[in-house]
Amino acid sequence: MCVDGARWVRENVLDAHKDLDIRVLAVWLPVLGTDNREAAAKATTVLADSRVEQFYDPGAKTGRWFKTNVVDEIKRLENKRVFRGGITWDAFFLYGPKAKWTKAPRPHLVAGATILAEKEILATAIKKLPGGK
């Protein structure tokens, strides 16, 4: 997740929907040259909210796993340039209360990348959730 995308999520999802029963998992990955543990620690302040859990994955294993097990299964994401390096980053996946995690989380309500490029898709889906107004 990029810092600008994270900021958008905080302002337009978390801050805008204080009563929304949602859990956000943010995984910070070393994708760009400036990405490291210190930058990730600083970035966590952007998503400071009790509904958010944040992790730093120095080997980007999470991003590779999501690319193979989630992104590659979603047809509309297959040609997204952001995934060409084999790592999922700066993306969102929204799951409803009936989603199950067996081999991978299914079914998603919406998914997209980059967060800023497809923020309207996420915003529309959030508004349809109970408490999303």
Protein backbone atom coordinates (compact mmCIF):
# COMPACT_ATOMS: atom_id res chain seq x y z
CA MET A 1 0.00 0.00 0.00
CA CYS A 2 1.39 3.40 -0.85
CA VAL A 3 1.24 6.23 1.67
CA ASP A 4 -1.03 8.35 -0.54
CA GLY A 5 -3.44 5.45 -0.96
CA ALA A 6 -3.33 4.77 2.77
CA ARG A 7 -4.11 8.42 3.46
CA TRP A 8 -7.12 8.23 1.13
CA VAL A 9 -8.38 5.12 2.97
CA ARG A 10 -8.00 6.86 6.31
CA GLU A 11 -9.80 10.02 5.23
CA ASN A 12 -12.51 8.52 3.02
CA VAL A 13 -13.18 5.20 4.71
CA LEU A 14 -12.07 5.24 8.34
CA ASP A 15 -12.58 8.92 9.22
CA ALA A 16 -15.69 9.29 7.06
CA HIS A 17 -17.37 6.18 8.47
CA LYS A 18 -16.58 6.11 12.18
CA ASP A 19 -19.34 3.57 12.91
CA LEU A 20 -18.46 1.22 10.06
CA ASP A 21 -17.68 -2.28 11.33
CA ILE A 22 -14.61 -2.89 9.19
CA ARG A 23 -11.15 -4.35 9.66
CA VAL A 24 -8.25 -3.09 7.59
CA LEU A 25 -5.08 -5.09 7.16
CA ALA A 26 -2.23 -3.06 5.72
CA VAL A 27 1.00 -4.74 4.71
CA TRP A 28 3.92 -2.44 4.01
CA LEU A 29 6.37 -3.90 1.48
CA PRO A 30 9.82 -2.82 0.23
CA VAL A 31 8.83 -2.18 -3.40
CA LEU A 32 10.38 1.22 -4.07
CA GLY A 33 13.97 2.19 -3.35
CA THR A 34 12.92 4.29 -0.36
CA ASP A 35 10.84 1.51 1.22
CA ASN A 36 12.40 0.06 4.36
CA ARG A 37 11.47 -0.75 7.95
CA GLU A 38 11.91 2.87 9.09
CA ALA A 39 9.72 4.22 6.27
CA ALA A 40 7.08 1.60 7.05
CA ALA A 41 7.12 2.52 10.74
CA LYS A 42 6.60 6.18 9.84
CA ALA A 43 3.84 5.29 7.37
CA THR A 44 1.87 3.40 10.02
CA THR A 45 0.87 6.72 11.57
CA VAL A 46 -1.22 7.44 8.46
CA LEU A 47 -3.56 4.55 9.29
CA ALA A 48 -3.65 5.00 13.06
CA ASP A 49 -7.11 3.61 13.87
CA SER A 50 -8.26 0.80 16.15
CA ARG A 51 -9.80 -1.00 13.14
CA VAL A 52 -6.42 -1.28 11.40
CA GLU A 53 -3.68 -3.87 11.80
CA GLN A 54 -0.39 -3.11 10.08
CA PHE A 55 2.58 -5.26 9.24
CA TYR A 56 5.95 -4.81 7.59
CA ASP A 57 7.01 -7.67 5.30
CA PRO A 58 10.71 -7.14 4.50
CA GLY A 59 10.81 -10.02 2.00
CA ALA A 60 7.53 -9.05 0.27
CA LYS A 61 6.32 -12.64 0.71
CA THR A 62 2.79 -11.42 1.35
CA GLY A 63 2.77 -9.45 -1.90
CA ARG A 64 3.97 -12.44 -3.90
CA TRP A 65 1.44 -14.75 -2.24
CA PHE A 66 -1.44 -12.35 -2.95
CA LYS A 67 -0.35 -11.99 -6.58
CA THR A 68 -0.39 -15.76 -7.12
CA ASN A 69 -3.39 -16.71 -4.98
CA VAL A 70 -5.69 -13.71 -5.21
CA VAL A 71 -4.82 -11.25 -8.00
CA ASP A 72 -4.29 -13.95 -10.63
CA GLU A 73 -7.83 -15.22 -9.90
CA ILE A 74 -9.48 -11.82 -10.54
CA LYS A 75 -9.87 -11.27 -14.29
CA ARG A 76 -10.20 -7.47 -14.17
CA LEU A 77 -6.83 -7.16 -12.40
CA GLU A 78 -4.78 -9.30 -14.80
CA ASN A 79 -3.39 -6.42 -16.88
CA LYS A 80 -2.73 -3.93 -14.10
CA ARG A 81 0.79 -2.56 -14.51
CA VAL A 82 1.28 -2.37 -10.73
CA PHE A 83 1.32 -6.19 -10.55
CA ARG A 84 3.81 -6.84 -13.36
CA GLY A 85 6.69 -7.34 -10.94
CA GLY A 86 4.91 -10.34 -9.43
CA ILE A 87 4.09 -8.48 -6.20
CA THR A 88 0.73 -7.17 -5.06
CA TRP A 89 1.06 -3.65 -3.66
CA ASP A 90 -0.95 -0.41 -3.67
CA ALA A 91 -4.11 -2.47 -3.99
CA PHE A 92 -7.34 -3.08 -2.11
CA PHE A 93 -9.47 -6.15 -1.56
CA LEU A 94 -12.80 -5.75 0.20
CA TYR A 95 -14.44 -8.84 1.65
CA GLY A 96 -17.89 -9.13 3.19
CA PRO A 97 -18.90 -10.86 6.41
CA LYS A 98 -19.54 -14.15 4.58
CA ALA A 99 -16.06 -14.40 3.09
CA LYS A 100 -14.07 -17.48 4.00
CA TRP A 101 -10.34 -18.02 3.96
CA THR A 102 -9.59 -21.54 2.81
CA LYS A 103 -6.76 -21.61 0.26
CA ALA A 104 -7.26 -17.87 -0.21
CA PRO A 105 -9.92 -15.36 0.86
CA ARG A 106 -13.11 -15.67 -1.20
CA PRO A 107 -15.32 -14.12 -2.38
CA HIS A 108 -14.25 -10.50 -2.65
CA LEU A 109 -16.83 -7.73 -2.96
CA VAL A 110 -14.45 -5.48 -4.91
CA ALA A 111 -10.76 -5.35 -5.63
CA GLY A 112 -8.60 -2.82 -7.40
CA ALA A 113 -5.30 -1.11 -7.97
CA THR A 114 -3.95 1.38 -7.52
CA ILE A 115 -5.94 2.65 -4.57
CA LEU A 116 -6.04 6.21 -5.89
CA ALA A 117 -6.79 5.18 -9.48
CA GLU A 118 -9.77 3.07 -8.42
CA LYS A 119 -10.85 4.85 -5.27
CA GLU A 120 -14.39 5.39 -6.60
CA ILE A 121 -14.90 1.63 -6.90
CA LEU A 122 -13.89 1.21 -3.27
CA ALA A 123 -15.92 4.21 -2.10
CA THR A 124 -19.07 2.92 -3.82
CA ALA A 125 -18.66 -0.54 -2.26
CA ILE A 126 -18.05 0.93 1.21
CA LYS A 127 -21.29 2.93 0.99
CA LYS A 128 -23.20 -0.31 0.38
CA LEU A 129 -21.95 -1.88 3.62
CA PRO A 130 -24.03 -1.63 6.81
CA GLY A 131 -22.92 1.62 8.41
CA GLY A 132 -21.38 2.84 5.17
CA LYS A 133 -24.08 5.46 4.59
